[in-house]
């Protein structure tokens, strides 16, 4: 059985030639984020069906893009407020689509 205590979504793109990486947008990296979140949604549904109290698996975007007002702020590199909120919105959008009653992942189950 898979363990999902919590999930921090961080996305990176790797350079095949040099093996280095850089932070990528949450939906543009090497990880299939939709597939990853689909597994989380399925696990939450399984827990709910079992009547467990720990149904919800918390997640957060780890790192973000420097965009808009973040470019002017002196924040910790990789942790811009607006960029992380953008990443969270993207991840929550995927989860909302996967959980859609008629068209989502669980509707076919």
C-alpha atoms as a PDB file:
ATOM      1  CA  UNK A   1       0.000   0.000   0.000  1.00  0.00           C
ATOM      2  CA  UNK A   2       1.271   3.468  -0.876  1.00  0.00           C
ATOM      3  CA  UNK A   3       1.915   5.971   1.889  1.00  0.00           C
ATOM      4  CA  UNK A   4       0.889   9.603   1.310  1.00  0.00           C
ATOM      5  CA  UNK A   5       1.508  11.451   4.599  1.00  0.00           C
ATOM      6  CA  UNK A   6       1.799  14.844   2.876  1.00  0.00           C
ATOM      7  CA  UNK A   7       2.813  16.090  -0.487  1.00  0.00           C
ATOM      8  CA  UNK A   8       4.973  19.025  -1.559  1.00  0.00           C
ATOM      9  CA  UNK A   9       4.844  19.612  -5.287  1.00  0.00           C
ATOM     10  CA  UNK A  10       8.140  20.879  -6.644  1.00  0.00           C
ATOM     11  CA  UNK A  11       8.917  20.862 -10.316  1.00  0.00           C
ATOM     12  CA  UNK A  12      12.275  20.935 -12.015  1.00  0.00           C
ATOM     13  CA  UNK A  13      13.595  20.551 -15.534  1.00  0.00           C
ATOM     14  CA  UNK A  14      16.799  18.642 -15.969  1.00  0.00           C
ATOM     15  CA  UNK A  15      19.504  19.296 -18.506  1.00  0.00           C
ATOM     16  CA  UNK A  16      20.256  15.946 -20.163  1.00  0.00           C
ATOM     17  CA  UNK A  17      23.736  17.022 -21.228  1.00  0.00           C
ATOM     18  CA  UNK A  18      25.021  18.313 -17.904  1.00  0.00           C
ATOM     19  CA  UNK A  19      22.626  16.715 -15.410  1.00  0.00           C
ATOM     20  CA  UNK A  20      21.869  20.062 -13.791  1.00  0.00           C
ATOM     21  CA  UNK A  21      18.378  21.358 -13.106  1.00  0.00           C
ATOM     22  CA  UNK A  22      16.418  24.554 -12.666  1.00  0.00           C
ATOM     23  CA  UNK A  23      13.060  25.280 -11.066  1.00  0.00           C
ATOM     24  CA  UNK A  24      10.283  24.954 -13.618  1.00  0.00           C
ATOM     25  CA  UNK A  25       6.663  26.009 -13.585  1.00  0.00           C
ATOM     26  CA  UNK A  26       4.559  23.417 -11.782  1.00  0.00           C
ATOM     27  CA  UNK A  27       2.976  22.112 -14.976  1.00  0.00           C
ATOM     28  CA  UNK A  28       6.042  22.409 -17.247  1.00  0.00           C
ATOM     29  CA  UNK A  29       8.614  20.195 -15.529  1.00  0.00           C
ATOM     30  CA  UNK A  30       9.697  16.587 -15.969  1.00  0.00           C
ATOM     31  CA  UNK A  31       7.039  15.189 -13.615  1.00  0.00           C
ATOM     32  CA  UNK A  32       3.580  14.318 -14.937  1.00  0.00           C
ATOM     33  CA  UNK A  33       1.836  16.446 -12.306  1.00  0.00           C
ATOM     34  CA  UNK A  34      -1.656  15.432 -13.484  1.00  0.00           C
ATOM     35  CA  UNK A  35      -0.814  11.748 -13.019  1.00  0.00           C
ATOM     36  CA  UNK A  36       0.746  12.429  -9.621  1.00  0.00           C
ATOM     37  CA  UNK A  37      -2.301  14.349  -8.388  1.00  0.00           C
ATOM     38  CA  UNK A  38      -4.612  11.684  -9.859  1.00  0.00           C
ATOM     39  CA  UNK A  39      -2.950   9.154  -7.553  1.00  0.00           C
ATOM     40  CA  UNK A  40      -3.473  11.483  -4.594  1.00  0.00           C
ATOM     41  CA  UNK A  41      -7.171  11.931  -5.493  1.00  0.00           C
ATOM     42  CA  UNK A  42      -7.607   8.140  -5.811  1.00  0.00           C
ATOM     43  CA  UNK A  43      -5.912   7.581  -2.463  1.00  0.00           C
ATOM     44  CA  UNK A  44      -8.164  10.155  -0.789  1.00  0.00           C
ATOM     45  CA  UNK A  45     -11.236   8.430  -2.300  1.00  0.00           C
ATOM     46  CA  UNK A  46      -9.996   5.063  -1.039  1.00  0.00           C
ATOM     47  CA  UNK A  47      -9.507   6.465   2.461  1.00  0.00           C
ATOM     48  CA  UNK A  48     -12.980   8.024   2.398  1.00  0.00           C
ATOM     49  CA  UNK A  49     -14.562   4.740   1.289  1.00  0.00           C
ATOM     50  CA  UNK A  50     -12.869   3.007   4.231  1.00  0.00           C
ATOM     51  CA  UNK A  51     -14.312   5.596   6.616  1.00  0.00           C
ATOM     52  CA  UNK A  52     -10.908   6.825   7.695  1.00  0.00           C
ATOM     53  CA  UNK A  53     -10.485  10.138   9.512  1.00  0.00           C
ATOM     54  CA  UNK A  54      -7.304  11.064   7.599  1.00  0.00           C
ATOM     55  CA  UNK A  55      -8.970  11.401   4.198  1.00  0.00           C
ATOM     56  CA  UNK A  56      -7.365  14.672   3.119  1.00  0.00           C
ATOM     57  CA  UNK A  57      -3.726  14.583   2.033  1.00  0.00           C
ATOM     58  CA  UNK A  58      -2.296  18.071   2.517  1.00  0.00           C
ATOM     59  CA  UNK A  59      -0.139  19.504  -0.245  1.00  0.00           C
ATOM     60  CA  UNK A  60       1.592  22.748  -1.062  1.00  0.00           C
ATOM     61  CA  UNK A  61       3.665  24.141  -3.885  1.00  0.00           C
ATOM     62  CA  UNK A  62       7.340  24.024  -3.011  1.00  0.00           C
ATOM     63  CA  UNK A  63       9.108  26.890  -4.741  1.00  0.00           C
ATOM     64  CA  UNK A  64       7.631  29.172  -7.364  1.00  0.00           C
ATOM     65  CA  UNK A  65       8.353  31.458 -10.258  1.00  0.00           C
ATOM     66  CA  UNK A  66       9.319  35.103  -9.729  1.00  0.00           C
ATOM     67  CA  UNK A  67       6.462  36.936 -11.441  1.00  0.00           C
ATOM     68  CA  UNK A  68       4.705  40.299 -11.201  1.00  0.00           C
ATOM     69  CA  UNK A  69       5.413  42.076  -7.923  1.00  0.00           C
ATOM     70  CA  UNK A  70       7.698  39.237  -6.770  1.00  0.00           C
ATOM     71  CA  UNK A  71      10.357  40.604  -9.124  1.00  0.00           C
ATOM     72  CA  UNK A  72      10.670  43.755  -6.991  1.00  0.00           C
ATOM     73  CA  UNK A  73      10.667  42.093  -3.579  1.00  0.00           C
ATOM     74  CA  UNK A  74      13.731  40.964  -1.691  1.00  0.00           C
ATOM     75  CA  UNK A  75      12.386  37.546  -0.808  1.00  0.00           C
ATOM     76  CA  UNK A  76      14.154  34.253  -0.242  1.00  0.00           C
ATOM     77  CA  UNK A  77      15.094  32.977  -3.730  1.00  0.00           C
ATOM     78  CA  UNK A  78      12.642  30.340  -4.908  1.00  0.00           C
ATOM     79  CA  UNK A  79       9.915  31.318  -2.466  1.00  0.00           C
ATOM     80  CA  UNK A  80       8.038  34.239  -4.054  1.00  0.00           C
ATOM     81  CA  UNK A  81       4.533  34.813  -2.680  1.00  0.00           C
ATOM     82  CA  UNK A  82       2.726  35.409  -5.972  1.00  0.00           C
ATOM     83  CA  UNK A  83       4.594  32.659  -7.827  1.00  0.00           C
ATOM     84  CA  UNK A  84       3.779  30.101  -5.139  1.00  0.00           C
ATOM     85  CA  UNK A  85       0.111  31.157  -5.151  1.00  0.00           C
ATOM     86  CA  UNK A  86       0.085  30.676  -8.948  1.00  0.00           C
ATOM     87  CA  UNK A  87       1.504  27.176  -8.475  1.00  0.00           C
ATOM     88  CA  UNK A  88      -1.076  26.374  -5.797  1.00  0.00           C
ATOM     89  CA  UNK A  89      -3.896  27.607  -8.045  1.00  0.00           C
ATOM     90  CA  UNK A  90      -2.659  25.391 -10.885  1.00  0.00           C
ATOM     91  CA  UNK A  91      -2.479  22.332  -8.623  1.00  0.00           C
ATOM     92  CA  UNK A  92      -5.898  22.999  -7.116  1.00  0.00           C
ATOM     93  CA  UNK A  93      -7.327  23.399 -10.627  1.00  0.00           C
ATOM     94  CA  UNK A  94      -6.067  19.952 -11.553  1.00  0.00           C
ATOM     95  CA  UNK A  95      -7.522  18.438  -8.371  1.00  0.00           C
ATOM     96  CA  UNK A  96     -10.883  20.162  -8.997  1.00  0.00           C
ATOM     97  CA  UNK A  97     -10.996  18.750 -12.545  1.00  0.00           C
ATOM     98  CA  UNK A  98     -10.061  15.261 -11.344  1.00  0.00           C
ATOM     99  CA  UNK A  99     -12.781  15.366  -8.679  1.00  0.00           C
ATOM    100  CA  UNK A 100     -15.505  16.709 -11.028  1.00  0.00           C
ATOM    101  CA  UNK A 101     -18.663  14.658 -10.472  1.00  0.00           C
ATOM    102  CA  UNK A 102     -19.496  14.130 -14.149  1.00  0.00           C
ATOM    103  CA  UNK A 103     -16.224  14.440 -16.037  1.00  0.00           C
ATOM    104  CA  UNK A 104     -13.603  13.730 -13.405  1.00  0.00           C
ATOM    105  CA  UNK A 105     -11.496  10.734 -12.616  1.00  0.00           C
ATOM    106  CA  UNK A 106     -13.846   9.347  -9.977  1.00  0.00           C
ATOM    107  CA  UNK A 107     -16.955   9.730 -12.153  1.00  0.00           C
ATOM    108  CA  UNK A 108     -15.738   6.788 -14.231  1.00  0.00           C
ATOM    109  CA  UNK A 109     -15.086   4.603 -11.183  1.00  0.00           C
END
